[in-house]
């Protein structure tokens, strides 16, 4: 299979799984399997940047806000965490951070897949909880 065919097939498959996960709340594969497919697509697009398109699953975060909730907009985009799968990726991350913040301190914990939520407080009083949505438009929950 050539890389263009693989990119096309990965994008289609990731879109189907995203719809099942985000829109229907009925995932069809494990988070690990989804992440592995996404990582493969990211690697192919890095090797062939001319093939990156705005509608690629690598260019979006989360899913659309659902209609049963009031839609709101994040003041600052709520992005996704970046997964790392081995010690080399952790080392590379630490080196990148050290270039701009040599005195950085870290708190590390395992990533738990599930709902991302932004909690907003004004003067210490909770005023809103919002899902990640697509990173810009979200659900007021």
Protein backbone atom coordinates (compact mmCIF):
# COMPACT_ATOMS: atom_id res chain seq x y z
CA UNK A 1 0.00 0.00 0.00
CA UNK A 2 1.40 3.40 -0.88
CA UNK A 3 1.49 6.22 1.65
CA UNK A 4 -1.35 8.20 -0.01
CA UNK A 5 -3.70 5.23 0.22
CA UNK A 6 -2.69 4.61 3.83
CA UNK A 7 -3.25 8.28 4.74
CA UNK A 8 -6.70 8.22 3.10
CA UNK A 9 -7.71 4.98 4.82
CA UNK A 10 -6.45 6.13 8.23
CA UNK A 11 -8.32 9.42 7.95
CA UNK A 12 -11.57 7.66 7.03
CA UNK A 13 -11.22 5.10 9.79
CA UNK A 14 -10.30 7.73 12.41
CA UNK A 15 -13.31 9.85 11.37
CA UNK A 16 -15.65 6.85 11.81
CA UNK A 17 -14.21 6.09 15.24
CA UNK A 18 -14.37 9.77 16.26
CA UNK A 19 -18.05 9.95 15.37
CA UNK A 20 -18.73 6.80 17.40
CA UNK A 21 -16.73 8.12 20.37
CA UNK A 22 -17.60 11.83 20.44
CA UNK A 23 -21.02 12.07 18.81
CA UNK A 24 -22.62 8.75 19.73
CA UNK A 25 -20.82 8.07 23.01
CA UNK A 26 -20.31 4.50 21.77
CA UNK A 27 -16.61 3.84 21.08
CA UNK A 28 -15.87 1.00 18.70
CA UNK A 29 -12.17 0.51 19.52
CA UNK A 30 -9.97 1.03 22.55
CA UNK A 31 -8.29 4.37 23.25
CA UNK A 32 -4.94 2.63 22.74
CA UNK A 33 -5.93 1.42 19.25
CA UNK A 34 -7.25 4.88 18.32
CA UNK A 35 -4.08 6.56 19.60
CA UNK A 36 -1.91 4.12 17.62
CA UNK A 37 -3.80 4.89 14.40
CA UNK A 38 -3.60 8.62 15.08
CA UNK A 39 0.14 8.32 15.77
CA UNK A 40 0.63 6.48 12.46
CA UNK A 41 -1.26 9.22 10.59
CA UNK A 42 0.75 11.93 12.36
CA UNK A 43 3.98 10.18 11.34
CA UNK A 44 2.87 9.84 7.72
CA UNK A 45 1.85 13.50 7.59
CA UNK A 46 5.19 14.52 9.14
CA UNK A 47 6.99 12.54 6.42
CA UNK A 48 4.73 14.05 3.73
CA UNK A 49 3.66 17.52 4.97
CA UNK A 50 2.33 18.40 1.52
CA UNK A 51 -0.48 15.89 2.19
CA UNK A 52 -1.77 17.59 5.37
CA UNK A 53 -5.28 18.92 4.84
CA UNK A 54 -7.41 21.10 7.14
CA UNK A 55 -9.98 18.31 7.51
CA UNK A 56 -7.43 15.70 8.65
CA UNK A 57 -8.17 14.21 12.08
CA UNK A 58 -4.68 15.42 13.10
CA UNK A 59 -5.83 19.01 12.62
CA UNK A 60 -8.77 18.95 15.02
CA UNK A 61 -9.46 18.35 18.69
CA UNK A 62 -12.41 16.51 20.21
CA UNK A 63 -15.80 16.64 18.55
CA UNK A 64 -18.61 19.07 17.90
CA UNK A 65 -20.74 20.36 20.74
CA UNK A 66 -23.98 18.38 21.06
CA UNK A 67 -27.30 20.14 20.54
CA UNK A 68 -28.89 19.00 23.82
CA UNK A 69 -26.59 21.36 25.74
CA UNK A 70 -26.17 25.10 25.45
CA UNK A 71 -23.15 25.87 23.30
CA UNK A 72 -20.55 28.29 24.60
CA UNK A 73 -17.13 29.42 23.38
CA UNK A 74 -13.88 28.97 25.28
CA UNK A 75 -12.01 32.24 25.89
CA UNK A 76 -8.78 30.32 25.30
CA UNK A 77 -8.84 27.18 23.11
CA UNK A 78 -8.92 23.97 25.16
CA UNK A 79 -6.43 21.68 23.42
CA UNK A 80 -5.73 17.99 23.85
CA UNK A 81 -2.91 16.47 25.86
CA UNK A 82 -0.09 14.99 23.84
CA UNK A 83 0.43 11.29 24.43
CA UNK A 84 3.89 9.80 24.83
CA UNK A 85 4.47 6.11 24.44
CA UNK A 86 8.08 5.54 25.43
CA UNK A 87 11.05 6.97 27.30
CA UNK A 88 12.55 8.50 24.16
CA UNK A 89 9.45 10.65 23.62
CA UNK A 90 9.60 11.82 27.24
CA UNK A 91 13.30 12.68 26.81
CA UNK A 92 12.56 14.62 23.61
CA UNK A 93 9.81 16.57 25.37
CA UNK A 94 12.10 17.44 28.29
CA UNK A 95 14.80 18.64 25.89
CA UNK A 96 12.32 20.87 24.01
CA UNK A 97 11.05 22.41 27.24
CA UNK A 98 14.59 22.92 28.58
CA UNK A 99 15.40 25.08 25.54
CA UNK A 100 12.89 27.73 26.63
CA UNK A 101 12.42 26.99 30.35
CA UNK A 102 15.61 25.49 31.79
CA UNK A 103 14.32 25.72 35.39
CA UNK A 104 10.97 24.03 34.66
CA UNK A 105 9.57 21.76 37.36
CA UNK A 106 7.24 18.85 36.61
CA UNK A 107 4.40 16.95 38.15
CA UNK A 108 3.81 13.73 36.20
CA UNK A 109 0.92 11.30 36.36
CA UNK A 110 -0.58 8.71 34.03
CA UNK A 111 -3.02 10.07 31.46
CA UNK A 112 -6.57 8.97 32.15
CA UNK A 113 -8.82 8.95 29.11
CA UNK A 114 -12.26 10.36 29.56
CA UNK A 115 -14.13 13.64 29.56
CA UNK A 116 -12.17 16.87 29.46
CA UNK A 117 -13.84 19.73 31.26
CA UNK A 118 -12.98 23.35 31.91
CA UNK A 119 -14.23 24.60 35.27
CA UNK A 120 -14.62 28.36 35.64
CA UNK A 121 -14.71 30.26 38.91
CA UNK A 122 -15.30 33.95 39.59
CA UNK A 123 -14.20 35.26 42.98
CA UNK A 124 -13.93 31.68 44.20
CA UNK A 125 -17.48 30.75 43.14
CA UNK A 126 -18.11 28.08 40.50
CA UNK A 127 -19.90 29.62 37.49
CA UNK A 128 -19.59 27.12 34.64
CA UNK A 129 -18.37 23.70 33.57
CA UNK A 130 -17.76 23.19 29.87
CA UNK A 131 -16.59 20.23 27.80
CA UNK A 132 -13.65 20.52 25.42
CA UNK A 133 -15.96 20.30 22.39
CA UNK A 134 -13.87 21.05 19.33
CA UNK A 135 -11.47 23.18 21.37
CA UNK A 136 -13.32 26.41 20.57
CA UNK A 137 -17.08 25.72 20.82
CA UNK A 138 -18.18 23.47 23.64
CA UNK A 139 -21.09 22.31 25.77
CA UNK A 140 -22.10 24.11 28.96
CA UNK A 141 -22.63 21.21 31.35
